[in-house]
């Protein structure tokens, strides 16, 4: 049962595929849907690019803020260091502290205090407190010697400091997590030699509050690296401990994939501070991208359905007209020549042209069949008239043969020859062929003219000019002898001995020209005009008025070969007559 359903479905699909308009609909739908999908994808990519561009611009603003934050911290720390170098006593105190033991430093401090005339202490403590009060964003400050392992740590905000995790305390500059640091070298007075480093520590919480990372509307985040690609700051938890690509040109944007998710990166480097800022935007946080995908998918489905349905309804009318043309052709194939395709006045397209041409073709075919039927009738009538004139051809032929033998016995040679030629003429008439070779038709004419030569001895001269290569071509029967007979009856001068009859057969470009000429009495002008008028009449009408005559020959040739062929007659009274027969070569057997 299932197999029958599958075969039925397959046959229906085959029929659908074999229909021209079904294939046009499929091709049209595929092309249009493909173009629309490309257009929607282009629009979608444009919209997504816009969303990404807007998100990157928003992230650029975040980078501007964090860069401004770091620059302001760096400028504050730098300006405080510059004020340090204006106080030689303070520089010497800091240098001594970094280069000596703590006990020696305290002794140095006591001596410095006793010898100083100022009540303002010049010590590391006063210097660090000055820095803190000028930038209270600082949570802690460390001074570290580059020559010894001496260091001084000052914590101002113990809560924030406790939130920071010391990563490595053994290095020259301590490293922390959950916080950022800015370090500057300390020089020994105006000398270029660095004796230590000052490092300011800033809590991430302060940075978050300053930049606004805790705001739910904030898109993406930021990572800050040192020029040595060391991560200093990270605002995205899922990328904690993940190093991003930083080897990019300044202000360059990049797409980066991690754990199956796509990120869009902004890159900015600040060599003055010695940091690299990387803006990070997860694709999932960009509003509009996912909705754009859904909109494109839905629009693709809706537009595809609309295009296919529109194409179906537009082509259905043409398909119906095409099926009507196909049905009409099948009816004509079955022999129904009365079928016609209805064409409305509003139809001016190619199918209307095909329908009109089909109707004209069927009508012409119907007329051709009718004319062919008339031709067969005319042939039968011609043969019937010839046979009727013979009375009983077989009996007459046998009788003539007996008479000829009797004439031979009685030594009447002329009579015997005349009977012989007449018998051959009768035998040709007995043939049922509609077309014969030209040599047979020409031989029939010779037999008839032989008889006439015996009847009018020494009064009739006959000349033949025949192209021998044309003798094997087929022509209609009884097209030459009736013309000669017409001359013998109406044109021969029986009282003259210079009667002349010419037969000439020539090949023209694509037809045969048979010319029969005499120097007889000619045809009266009025009668010739009447004959030519009748030759121009429609060959479907009955033009013959007696036995096989000139008009009958012309009618048969035109019915067989077309109106471009047939008979032409020229005659001058008392001068002679010329009859020309034009027959095509390409339509011969």
Protein backbone atom coordinates (compact mmCIF):
# COMPACT_ATOMS: atom_id res chain seq x y z
CA UNK A 1 0.00 0.00 0.00
CA UNK A 2 2.78 2.39 0.99
CA UNK A 3 4.70 1.47 -2.16
CA UNK A 4 1.68 2.35 -4.33
CA UNK A 5 1.37 5.73 -2.60
CA UNK A 6 5.06 6.42 -3.13
CA UNK A 7 4.88 5.49 -6.81
CA UNK A 8 1.77 7.66 -7.25
CA UNK A 9 3.51 10.60 -5.59
CA UNK A 10 6.61 10.03 -7.72
CA UNK A 11 4.53 9.98 -10.92
CA UNK A 12 2.80 13.21 -9.90
CA UNK A 13 6.17 14.84 -9.27
CA UNK A 14 7.37 13.62 -12.66
CA UNK A 15 4.33 15.16 -14.37
CA UNK A 16 4.88 18.36 -12.43
CA UNK A 17 8.51 18.47 -13.51
CA UNK A 18 7.59 17.85 -17.15
CA UNK A 19 5.27 20.88 -17.29
CA UNK A 20 6.91 23.98 -18.66
CA UNK A 21 5.18 26.42 -16.34
CA UNK A 22 5.93 24.27 -13.31
CA UNK A 23 9.61 24.39 -14.19
CA UNK A 24 9.36 28.16 -14.80
CA UNK A 25 7.66 28.58 -11.41
CA UNK A 26 10.35 26.54 -9.67
CA UNK A 27 13.22 28.38 -11.39
CA UNK A 28 11.55 31.76 -10.82
CA UNK A 29 10.93 30.98 -7.15
CA UNK A 30 14.46 29.71 -6.56
CA UNK A 31 16.08 32.74 -8.23
CA UNK A 32 13.84 35.33 -6.54
CA UNK A 33 14.08 33.68 -3.12
CA UNK A 34 17.87 33.40 -3.52
CA UNK A 35 18.13 37.10 -4.43
CA UNK A 36 15.85 38.10 -1.54
CA UNK A 37 17.83 35.97 0.91
CA UNK A 38 21.04 37.63 -0.28
CA UNK A 39 19.41 41.04 0.10
CA UNK A 40 18.11 40.21 3.59
CA UNK A 41 21.49 38.84 4.59
CA UNK A 42 23.11 42.03 3.32
CA UNK A 43 20.62 44.16 5.27
CA UNK A 44 21.07 41.93 8.32
CA UNK A 45 24.86 42.20 8.15
CA UNK A 46 24.51 45.96 7.78
CA UNK A 47 22.23 46.20 10.82
CA UNK A 48 24.44 43.89 12.87
CA UNK A 49 27.48 45.93 11.84
CA UNK A 50 25.64 49.04 13.01
CA UNK A 51 24.79 47.44 16.34
CA UNK A 52 28.39 46.33 16.79
CA UNK A 53 29.63 49.77 15.76
CA UNK A 54 27.35 51.44 18.30
CA UNK A 55 28.45 49.00 21.02
CA UNK A 56 32.11 49.64 20.15
CA UNK A 57 31.50 53.38 20.29
CA UNK A 58 29.92 52.99 23.74
CA UNK A 59 32.89 50.89 24.78
CA UNK A 60 35.18 53.58 23.40
CA UNK A 61 33.56 56.00 25.79
CA UNK A 62 34.27 53.57 28.63
CA UNK A 63 37.89 53.37 27.49
CA UNK A 64 38.00 57.16 27.45
CA UNK A 65 36.77 57.22 31.04
CA UNK A 66 39.18 54.60 32.30
CA UNK A 67 42.03 56.19 30.39
CA UNK A 68 41.12 59.55 31.90
CA UNK A 69 41.02 57.88 35.33
CA UNK A 70 44.48 56.41 34.94
CA UNK A 71 45.87 59.61 33.44
CA UNK A 72 44.54 61.66 36.32
CA UNK A 73 46.05 59.24 38.86
CA UNK A 74 49.33 59.24 36.94
CA UNK A 75 49.38 63.03 36.72
CA UNK A 76 48.71 63.38 40.47
CA UNK A 77 51.51 60.95 41.33
CA UNK A 78 53.90 62.62 38.86
CA UNK A 79 53.18 66.12 40.20
CA UNK A 80 53.81 64.94 43.78
CA UNK A 81 57.16 63.45 42.72
CA UNK A 82 58.09 66.72 41.05
CA UNK A 83 57.40 68.60 44.32
CA UNK A 84 59.71 66.11 46.02
CA UNK A 85 62.71 67.32 44.02
CA UNK A 86 62.18 70.90 45.19
CA UNK A 87 62.94 69.81 48.76
CA UNK A 88 66.56 68.65 48.93
CA UNK A 89 66.27 67.74 52.58
CA UNK A 90 63.31 65.47 51.83
CA UNK A 91 65.09 63.88 48.86
CA UNK A 92 68.12 63.16 51.03
CA UNK A 93 65.92 61.68 53.75
CA UNK A 94 64.12 59.37 51.34
CA UNK A 95 67.37 58.38 49.65
CA UNK A 96 68.97 57.58 53.04
CA UNK A 97 65.94 55.51 54.04
CA UNK A 98 66.03 53.47 50.87
CA UNK A 99 69.77 52.90 50.98
CA UNK A 100 70.30 52.09 54.70
CA UNK A 101 68.96 49.99 57.49
CA UNK A 102 65.93 51.06 59.42
CA UNK A 103 67.90 51.73 62.64
CA UNK A 104 70.39 53.87 60.78
CA UNK A 105 67.47 55.70 59.18
CA UNK A 106 65.97 56.50 62.60
CA UNK A 107 69.29 57.81 63.83
CA UNK A 108 69.54 59.90 60.69
CA UNK A 109 66.05 61.22 61.35
CA UNK A 110 66.86 62.25 64.92
CA UNK A 111 70.02 64.07 63.87
CA UNK A 112 68.13 65.73 61.02
CA UNK A 113 65.36 66.80 63.40
CA UNK A 114 67.82 68.33 65.94
CA UNK A 115 69.75 70.15 63.26
CA UNK A 116 66.67 71.38 61.37
CA UNK A 117 65.35 74.87 61.96
CA UNK A 118 61.91 73.94 60.56
CA UNK A 119 59.10 72.48 62.54
CA UNK A 120 57.78 70.60 59.42
CA UNK A 121 59.34 67.15 59.30
CA UNK A 122 61.10 66.06 56.09
CA UNK A 123 60.52 62.33 56.12
CA UNK A 124 59.03 59.52 54.12
CA UNK A 125 55.90 59.69 56.30
CA UNK A 126 55.28 63.35 55.56
CA UNK A 127 55.94 62.78 51.85
CA UNK A 128 53.52 59.83 51.61
CA UNK A 129 50.84 61.66 53.59
CA UNK A 130 51.17 64.62 51.26
CA UNK A 131 50.60 62.33 48.27
CA UNK A 132 47.56 60.73 49.90
CA UNK A 133 45.91 64.02 50.82
CA UNK A 134 46.42 65.26 47.23
CA UNK A 135 44.77 62.09 45.79
CA UNK A 136 42.49 60.37 48.25
CA UNK A 137 41.60 57.68 45.64
CA UNK A 138 44.80 55.98 46.76
CA UNK A 139 44.32 53.05 49.13
CA UNK A 140 48.00 52.33 49.81
CA UNK A 141 51.47 53.54 48.85
CA UNK A 142 54.72 51.59 48.84
CA UNK A 143 58.32 52.82 48.50
CA UNK A 144 60.79 50.17 47.44
CA UNK A 145 64.54 50.36 47.10
CA UNK A 146 66.13 49.23 43.86
CA UNK A 147 69.53 48.74 45.56
CA UNK A 148 68.49 46.96 48.79
CA UNK A 149 65.53 44.96 49.93
CA UNK A 150 64.21 47.84 51.99
CA UNK A 151 60.59 48.85 51.47
CA UNK A 152 58.00 51.00 53.21
CA UNK A 153 54.25 50.27 53.01
CA UNK A 154 51.56 52.79 53.99
CA UNK A 155 47.90 51.69 54.03
CA UNK A 156 45.23 54.40 54.14
CA UNK A 157 42.07 52.39 53.50
CA UNK A 158 42.37 49.08 55.29
CA UNK A 159 39.03 47.74 54.03
CA UNK A 160 39.92 48.18 50.37
CA UNK A 161 43.46 47.00 51.04
CA UNK A 162 42.12 43.81 52.56
CA UNK A 163 40.06 43.23 49.40
CA UNK A 164 43.27 43.16 47.44
CA UNK A 165 45.18 39.90 47.31
CA UNK A 166 48.94 40.07 47.37
CA UNK A 167 50.13 38.01 44.42
CA UNK A 168 53.86 38.15 44.96
CA UNK A 169 55.53 39.93 47.90
CA UNK A 170 59.06 38.87 46.94
CA UNK A 171 59.33 41.07 43.87
CA UNK A 172 60.61 44.63 43.90
CA UNK A 173 57.14 46.06 43.35
CA UNK A 174 54.43 44.01 45.11
CA UNK A 175 51.64 42.77 42.85
CA UNK A 176 47.98 42.52 43.81
CA UNK A 177 44.68 41.25 42.48
CA UNK A 178 41.37 43.13 42.64
CA UNK A 179 43.32 46.33 42.38
CA UNK A 180 45.46 48.40 40.05
CA UNK A 181 48.86 50.00 40.63
CA UNK A 182 50.78 52.92 39.16
CA UNK A 183 54.53 52.98 39.76
CA UNK A 184 57.07 55.79 39.29
CA UNK A 185 60.86 55.79 39.75
CA UNK A 186 62.47 57.87 42.50
CA UNK A 187 65.70 59.61 41.58
CA UNK A 188 68.44 60.77 43.89
CA UNK A 189 68.06 64.50 43.50
CA UNK A 190 68.79 65.80 40.02
CA UNK A 191 70.74 62.66 39.18
CA UNK A 192 69.27 60.38 36.59
CA UNK A 193 69.99 57.34 38.72
CA UNK A 194 66.88 55.63 40.10
CA UNK A 195 67.21 54.57 43.69
CA UNK A 196 63.70 53.27 44.22
CA UNK A 197 60.11 53.01 43.08
CA UNK A 198 56.94 54.54 44.48
CA UNK A 199 53.76 52.57 43.84
CA UNK A 200 50.20 53.80 44.39
CA UNK A 201 47.48 51.14 44.90
CA UNK A 202 43.89 51.73 43.84
CA UNK A 203 40.94 49.52 44.71
CA UNK A 204 38.84 48.01 41.90
CA UNK A 205 35.74 49.08 43.78
CA UNK A 206 36.79 52.69 43.45
CA UNK A 207 37.44 52.12 39.73
CA UNK A 208 34.11 50.35 39.26
CA UNK A 209 32.25 53.20 40.95
CA UNK A 210 34.23 55.80 39.04
CA UNK A 211 33.68 54.25 35.59
CA UNK A 212 30.21 52.81 36.19
CA UNK A 213 30.89 49.11 35.64
CA UNK A 214 28.25 48.20 38.19
CA UNK A 215 25.57 49.78 36.00
CA UNK A 216 23.44 47.06 34.36
CA UNK A 217 23.20 49.18 31.22
CA UNK A 218 26.96 49.04 30.79
CA UNK A 219 27.92 46.94 27.72
CA UNK A 220 31.08 44.85 27.92
CA UNK A 221 34.10 45.63 30.00
CA UNK A 222 37.77 46.57 29.99
CA UNK A 223 41.11 44.95 30.66
CA UNK A 224 44.27 46.92 31.31
CA UNK A 225 47.73 45.51 30.57
CA UNK A 226 51.25 46.72 31.07
CA UNK A 227 53.43 47.11 28.04
CA UNK A 228 54.96 43.74 29.01
CA UNK A 229 51.50 42.17 28.51
CA UNK A 230 50.92 41.82 32.25
CA UNK A 231 47.23 42.03 33.22
CA UNK A 232 46.67 44.98 35.54
CA UNK A 233 42.90 45.27 35.57
CA UNK A 234 39.92 43.11 34.44
CA UNK A 235 36.22 44.06 34.67
CA UNK A 236 34.71 40.85 33.21
CA UNK A 237 34.49 37.92 35.62
CA UNK A 238 34.26 35.19 32.96
CA UNK A 239 37.57 36.38 31.49
CA UNK A 240 39.37 36.37 34.86
CA UNK A 241 42.88 35.14 34.27
CA UNK A 242 42.42 35.04 30.46
CA UNK A 243 44.97 37.02 28.47
CA UNK A 244 43.54 38.78 25.44
CA UNK A 245 45.47 39.54 22.22
CA UNK A 246 47.17 42.90 22.81
CA UNK A 247 49.74 43.03 20.04
CA UNK A 248 47.64 45.33 17.91
CA UNK A 249 48.04 48.78 16.48
CA UNK A 250 46.64 51.67 18.45
CA UNK A 251 42.86 52.18 18.09
CA UNK A 252 42.54 48.90 16.19
CA UNK A 253 39.41 46.72 16.46
CA UNK A 254 39.32 42.93 16.36
CA UNK A 255 36.95 39.97 16.59
CA UNK A 256 38.04 37.28 19.07
CA UNK A 257 36.53 33.91 20.00
CA UNK A 258 36.79 32.20 23.35
CA UNK A 259 34.86 29.19 24.73
CA UNK A 260 32.48 29.26 21.78
CA UNK A 261 31.56 32.92 22.25
CA UNK A 262 32.48 35.85 20.04
CA UNK A 263 33.96 39.03 21.51
CA UNK A 264 34.60 42.38 19.84
CA UNK A 265 37.75 44.15 21.06
CA UNK A 266 38.81 47.81 21.12
CA UNK A 267 42.52 48.39 21.53
CA UNK A 268 44.31 51.48 22.79
CA UNK A 269 47.88 51.91 24.07
CA UNK A 270 49.28 54.67 26.29
CA UNK A 271 53.11 54.51 26.26
CA UNK A 272 53.38 57.52 28.61
CA UNK A 273 51.69 55.65 31.45
CA UNK A 274 52.92 52.32 30.15
CA UNK A 275 49.54 50.57 29.84
CA UNK A 276 47.37 48.99 27.13
CA UNK A 277 43.59 49.31 27.31
CA UNK A 278 41.46 46.57 25.72
CA UNK A 279 37.70 47.11 25.48
CA UNK A 280 35.73 43.84 25.48
CA UNK A 281 32.17 43.43 24.16
CA UNK A 282 30.56 39.95 24.24
CA UNK A 283 28.30 39.46 21.25
CA UNK A 284 25.54 38.17 23.53
CA UNK A 285 25.36 41.55 25.28
CA UNK A 286 24.82 43.55 22.08
CA UNK A 287 21.13 44.29 21.84
CA UNK A 288 19.60 43.78 18.42
CA UNK A 289 21.87 41.06 17.04
CA UNK A 290 19.79 38.07 18.15
CA UNK A 291 16.53 39.84 17.28
CA UNK A 292 17.97 40.71 13.86
CA UNK A 293 18.69 37.03 13.22
CA UNK A 294 15.11 36.12 14.09
CA UNK A 295 13.68 38.95 11.99
CA UNK A 296 15.78 37.93 8.99
CA UNK A 297 14.69 34.30 9.37
CA UNK A 298 11.00 35.23 9.64
CA UNK A 299 11.20 37.71 6.76
CA UNK A 300 12.95 35.09 4.61
CA UNK A 301 10.16 32.58 5.28
CA UNK A 302 7.36 35.11 4.71
CA UNK A 303 8.90 36.61 1.57
CA UNK A 304 9.63 33.15 0.15
CA UNK A 305 6.02 32.06 0.68
CA UNK A 306 4.75 35.34 -0.81
CA UNK A 307 7.00 35.05 -3.86
CA UNK A 308 6.03 31.43 -4.53
CA UNK A 309 2.29 32.14 -4.14
CA UNK A 310 2.48 35.28 -6.30
CA UNK A 311 4.36 33.38 -8.99
CA UNK A 312 1.85 30.53 -8.79
CA UNK A 313 -1.21 32.76 -9.22
CA UNK A 314 0.45 34.76 -12.02
CA UNK A 315 1.55 31.68 -13.94
CA UNK A 316 -1.61 29.64 -13.29
CA UNK A 317 -3.56 31.57 -15.94
CA UNK A 318 -0.81 31.03 -18.50
CA UNK A 319 -0.52 27.38 -17.53
CA UNK A 320 -4.28 26.93 -18.05
CA UNK A 321 -4.04 28.51 -21.51
CA UNK A 322 -1.03 26.36 -22.32
CA UNK A 323 -2.91 23.20 -21.31
CA UNK A 324 -5.78 24.30 -23.57
CA UNK A 325 -3.33 24.60 -26.47
CA UNK A 326 -1.90 21.17 -25.66
CA UNK A 327 -5.38 19.62 -25.47
CA UNK A 328 -6.35 21.14 -28.82
CA UNK A 329 -3.18 19.79 -30.43
CA UNK A 330 -3.96 16.29 -29.16
CA UNK A 331 -7.50 16.53 -30.60
CA UNK A 332 -6.08 17.58 -33.97
CA UNK A 333 -3.65 14.67 -33.72
CA UNK A 334 -6.67 12.40 -33.28
CA UNK A 335 -8.27 13.83 -36.45
CA UNK A 336 -10.57 16.56 -35.10
CA UNK A 337 -9.98 19.52 -37.43
CA UNK A 338 -12.96 21.50 -36.19
CA UNK A 339 -11.36 22.34 -32.84
CA UNK A 340 -10.47 25.99 -32.23
CA UNK A 341 -8.71 27.75 -29.33
CA UNK A 342 -10.67 30.62 -27.80
CA UNK A 343 -8.64 33.84 -27.71
CA UNK A 344 -10.05 36.79 -25.80
CA UNK A 345 -9.69 40.34 -27.08
CA UNK A 346 -7.55 41.30 -24.10
CA UNK A 347 -4.90 38.65 -24.77
CA UNK A 348 -2.05 40.23 -26.72
CA UNK A 349 0.81 38.03 -25.58
CA UNK A 350 2.81 35.22 -27.19
CA UNK A 351 0.26 32.56 -26.20
CA UNK A 352 -2.43 34.52 -28.05
CA UNK A 353 -0.15 34.60 -31.11
CA UNK A 354 0.41 30.83 -30.83
CA UNK A 355 -3.33 30.22 -30.44
CA UNK A 356 -4.19 32.34 -33.47
CA UNK A 357 -1.48 30.65 -35.52
CA UNK A 358 -2.77 27.26 -34.40
CA UNK A 359 -6.31 28.15 -35.46
CA UNK A 360 -5.06 29.35 -38.85
CA UNK A 361 -2.95 26.22 -39.26
CA UNK A 362 -5.89 23.92 -38.47
CA UNK A 363 -8.12 25.81 -40.90
CA UNK A 364 -5.46 25.66 -43.61
CA UNK A 365 -4.99 21.95 -42.91
CA UNK A 366 -8.71 21.38 -43.15
CA UNK A 367 -8.84 23.22 -46.49
CA UNK A 368 -5.82 21.28 -47.73
CA UNK A 369 -7.49 17.98 -46.86
CA UNK A 370 -10.64 19.09 -48.67
CA UNK A 371 -8.62 20.11 -51.70
CA UNK A 372 -6.75 16.82 -51.65
CA UNK A 373 -10.09 15.08 -51.59
CA UNK A 374 -11.22 17.20 -54.56
CA UNK A 375 -8.00 16.30 -56.37
CA UNK A 376 -8.71 12.59 -55.91
CA UNK A 377 -12.23 13.13 -57.21
CA UNK A 378 -10.91 15.00 -60.25
CA UNK A 379 -8.42 12.24 -60.96
CA UNK A 380 -11.15 9.67 -60.75
CA UNK A 381 -13.35 11.77 -63.03
CA UNK A 382 -10.51 12.14 -65.55
CA UNK A 383 -9.84 8.43 -65.60
CA UNK A 384 -13.51 7.65 -65.72
CA UNK A 385 -14.02 9.87 -68.74
CA UNK A 386 -11.03 8.25 -70.45
CA UNK A 387 -12.36 4.79 -69.68
CA UNK A 388 -15.86 5.71 -70.75
CA UNK A 389 -14.51 6.75 -74.11
CA UNK A 390 -12.97 3.31 -74.46
CA UNK A 391 -16.27 1.46 -73.88
CA UNK A 392 -14.74 -1.84 -72.92
CA UNK A 393 -10.95 -1.37 -73.11
CA UNK A 394 -9.95 -5.01 -72.68
CA UNK A 395 -12.39 -6.24 -75.27
CA UNK A 396 -11.48 -3.41 -77.62
CA UNK A 397 -7.75 -3.99 -77.15
CA UNK A 398 -8.06 -7.72 -77.94
CA UNK A 399 -10.23 -6.95 -80.92
CA UNK A 400 -7.73 -4.40 -82.26
CA UNK A 401 -4.93 -6.93 -81.90
CA UNK A 402 -6.92 -9.42 -83.96
CA UNK A 403 -7.57 -6.78 -86.64
CA UNK A 404 -3.86 -5.83 -86.69
CA UNK A 405 -2.86 -9.48 -87.25
CA UNK A 406 -5.38 -9.70 -90.05
CA UNK A 407 -3.88 -6.54 -91.66
CA UNK A 408 -0.40 -8.06 -91.40
CA UNK A 409 -1.59 -11.24 -93.09
CA UNK A 410 -3.13 -9.17 -95.86
CA UNK A 411 0.12 -7.20 -96.11
CA UNK A 412 -1.49 -3.82 -95.08
CA UNK A 413 1.50 -2.52 -93.15
CA UNK A 414 0.21 1.04 -92.53
CA UNK A 415 -3.06 -0.19 -91.08
CA UNK A 416 -1.21 -2.68 -88.89
CA UNK A 417 1.10 0.03 -87.55
CA UNK A 418 -1.82 2.33 -86.78
CA UNK A 419 -3.59 -0.41 -84.90
CA UNK A 420 -0.38 -1.21 -83.01
CA UNK A 421 0.05 2.38 -81.84
CA UNK A 422 -3.61 2.64 -80.91
CA UNK A 423 -3.35 -0.53 -78.86
CA UNK A 424 -0.36 0.89 -76.97
CA UNK A 425 -2.35 4.03 -76.29
CA UNK A 426 -5.21 1.97 -74.92
CA UNK A 427 -2.82 -0.08 -72.76
CA UNK A 428 -1.45 3.17 -71.21
CA UNK A 429 -5.01 4.23 -70.46
CA UNK A 430 -5.64 0.99 -68.57
CA UNK A 431 -2.93 1.81 -66.01
CA UNK A 432 -4.16 2.78 -62.52
CA UNK A 433 -1.12 4.90 -61.70
CA UNK A 434 -1.75 8.55 -60.83
CA UNK A 435 1.86 9.53 -61.51
CA UNK A 436 4.23 8.05 -64.08
CA UNK A 437 7.75 8.74 -65.23
CA UNK A 438 8.13 11.51 -67.76
CA UNK A 439 9.43 9.01 -70.34
CA UNK A 440 6.14 7.03 -70.09
CA UNK A 441 4.04 10.14 -70.55
CA UNK A 442 6.28 11.22 -73.42
CA UNK A 443 6.00 7.74 -75.02
CA UNK A 444 2.22 7.93 -74.78
CA UNK A 445 2.39 11.23 -76.65
CA UNK A 446 4.66 9.64 -79.29
CA UNK A 447 2.16 6.78 -79.86
CA UNK A 448 -0.64 9.26 -80.35
CA UNK A 449 1.39 11.46 -82.73
CA UNK A 450 2.41 8.31 -84.72
CA UNK A 451 -1.23 7.60 -85.34
CA UNK A 452 -1.77 11.21 -86.43
CA UNK A 453 1.25 10.97 -88.74
CA UNK A 454 -0.35 7.96 -90.50
CA UNK A 455 -3.61 9.84 -90.72
CA UNK A 456 -2.01 12.95 -92.23
CA UNK A 457 0.97 11.56 -94.15
CA UNK A 458 3.51 14.12 -95.35
CA UNK A 459 1.46 16.97 -93.83
CA UNK A 460 2.76 16.90 -90.25
CA UNK A 461 6.30 17.38 -88.94
CA UNK A 462 7.11 16.63 -85.31
CA UNK A 463 10.30 17.78 -83.48
CA UNK A 464 11.48 16.66 -80.01
CA UNK A 465 13.96 18.62 -77.84
CA UNK A 466 14.11 16.72 -74.57
CA UNK A 467 16.61 16.87 -71.67
CA UNK A 468 17.31 13.14 -71.18
CA UNK A 469 18.21 13.65 -67.48
CA UNK A 470 14.59 14.56 -66.77
CA UNK A 471 12.96 11.40 -68.14
CA UNK A 472 13.04 9.56 -64.81
CA UNK A 473 11.14 12.31 -62.97
CA UNK A 474 7.52 11.54 -62.11
CA UNK A 475 4.65 13.61 -63.48
CA UNK A 476 0.85 13.34 -63.57
CA UNK A 477 -0.66 11.13 -66.29
CA UNK A 478 -2.51 12.59 -69.29
CA UNK A 479 -0.92 16.05 -69.30
CA UNK A 480 0.74 15.96 -72.75
CA UNK A 481 -1.50 13.93 -75.09
CA UNK A 482 -4.63 16.09 -74.52
CA UNK A 483 -2.69 19.19 -75.61
CA UNK A 484 -1.56 17.47 -78.81
CA UNK A 485 -5.09 16.20 -79.35
CA UNK A 486 -6.43 19.76 -78.93
CA UNK A 487 -4.04 20.87 -81.65
CA UNK A 488 -5.05 18.06 -84.00
CA UNK A 489 -8.72 18.87 -83.57
CA UNK A 490 -8.67 22.67 -83.54
CA UNK A 491 -5.34 23.87 -84.91
CA UNK A 492 -4.14 21.51 -87.69
CA UNK A 493 -4.35 22.89 -91.25
CA UNK A 494 -5.53 19.85 -93.12
CA UNK A 495 -5.10 21.57 -96.46
CA UNK A 496 -1.46 22.42 -95.82
CA UNK A 497 1.65 20.26 -95.90
CA UNK A 498 3.80 22.46 -93.63
CA UNK A 499 2.13 21.70 -90.28
CA UNK A 500 4.75 21.66 -87.55
CA UNK A 501 4.50 20.53 -83.90
CA UNK A 502 7.37 21.04 -81.42
CA UNK A 503 7.85 19.35 -78.05
CA UNK A 504 10.56 20.83 -75.79
CA UNK A 505 11.36 19.73 -72.22
CA UNK A 506 13.90 21.84 -70.21
CA UNK A 507 15.21 22.08 -66.68
CA UNK A 508 14.98 25.50 -65.05
CA UNK A 509 16.37 26.44 -61.62
CA UNK A 510 13.92 24.47 -59.51
CA UNK A 511 11.23 23.37 -61.95
CA UNK A 512 10.60 21.71 -65.34
CA UNK A 513 9.29 23.70 -68.27
CA UNK A 514 7.43 21.66 -70.92
CA UNK A 515 6.67 23.63 -74.07
CA UNK A 516 4.31 22.39 -76.83
CA UNK A 517 4.23 24.71 -79.84
CA UNK A 518 2.47 24.58 -83.19
CA UNK A 519 2.06 26.76 -86.28
CA UNK A 520 -1.64 26.03 -86.63
CA UNK A 521 -4.77 28.13 -86.77
CA UNK A 522 -4.31 29.66 -83.34
CA UNK A 523 -7.05 30.60 -80.92
CA UNK A 524 -9.46 33.43 -81.38
CA UNK A 525 -8.77 36.39 -79.11
CA UNK A 526 -12.10 36.23 -77.27
CA UNK A 527 -11.86 32.50 -76.75
CA UNK A 528 -8.24 32.82 -75.53
CA UNK A 529 -9.31 35.46 -72.99
CA UNK A 530 -12.04 33.19 -71.71
CA UNK A 531 -9.65 30.25 -71.40
CA UNK A 532 -7.07 32.34 -69.47
CA UNK A 533 -9.80 33.66 -67.18
CA UNK A 534 -10.89 30.14 -66.39
CA UNK A 535 -7.26 29.14 -65.74
CA UNK A 536 -7.12 31.80 -63.02
CA UNK A 537 -10.21 30.53 -61.20
CA UNK A 538 -9.97 28.64 -57.88
CA UNK A 539 -8.91 25.09 -58.61
CA UNK A 540 -11.60 23.80 -56.28
CA UNK A 541 -14.26 24.63 -58.88
CA UNK A 542 -15.20 22.31 -61.71
CA UNK A 543 -13.59 23.74 -64.83
CA UNK A 544 -13.72 20.77 -67.15
CA UNK A 545 -16.50 20.85 -69.68
CA UNK A 546 -15.92 17.78 -71.83
CA UNK A 547 -13.40 14.98 -71.89
CA UNK A 548 -9.91 15.48 -70.55
CA UNK A 549 -9.12 19.01 -71.72
CA UNK A 550 -6.69 21.83 -71.20
CA UNK A 551 -8.43 23.29 -68.17
CA UNK A 552 -8.55 19.87 -66.53
CA UNK A 553 -4.76 19.50 -66.92
CA UNK A 554 -4.14 22.93 -65.37
CA UNK A 555 -6.47 22.18 -62.46
CA UNK A 556 -4.82 18.85 -61.66
CA UNK A 557 -1.30 20.34 -61.69
CA UNK A 558 -2.28 23.13 -59.29
CA UNK A 559 -4.08 20.79 -56.94
CA UNK A 560 -1.05 18.52 -56.85
CA UNK A 561 1.78 21.06 -56.71
CA UNK A 562 0.29 24.41 -55.70
CA UNK A 563 -0.88 27.63 -57.31
CA UNK A 564 2.65 28.62 -58.44
CA UNK A 565 2.56 25.86 -61.06
CA UNK A 566 0.24 24.92 -63.91
CA UNK A 567 -0.44 25.85 -67.53
CA UNK A 568 0.07 29.06 -69.51
CA UNK A 569 -1.30 29.54 -73.07
CA UNK A 570 -0.20 32.06 -75.70
CA UNK A 571 -1.77 32.12 -79.13
CA UNK A 572 -2.04 34.35 -82.18
CA UNK A 573 -4.77 33.64 -84.64
CA UNK A 574 -3.44 32.19 -87.95
CA UNK A 575 0.09 32.12 -86.47
CA UNK A 576 0.07 29.35 -83.90
CA UNK A 577 -0.22 28.43 -80.24
CA UNK A 578 2.28 27.90 -77.42
CA UNK A 579 1.32 25.88 -74.33
CA UNK A 580 3.75 25.81 -71.37
CA UNK A 581 3.55 23.50 -68.37
CA UNK A 582 5.49 24.43 -65.20
CA UNK A 583 6.12 21.54 -62.78
CA UNK A 584 8.37 21.64 -59.65
CA UNK A 585 11.37 19.36 -59.37
CA UNK A 586 11.70 19.26 -55.61
CA UNK A 587 8.24 17.78 -55.17
CA UNK A 588 8.84 14.93 -57.57
CA UNK A 589 9.47 11.37 -56.50
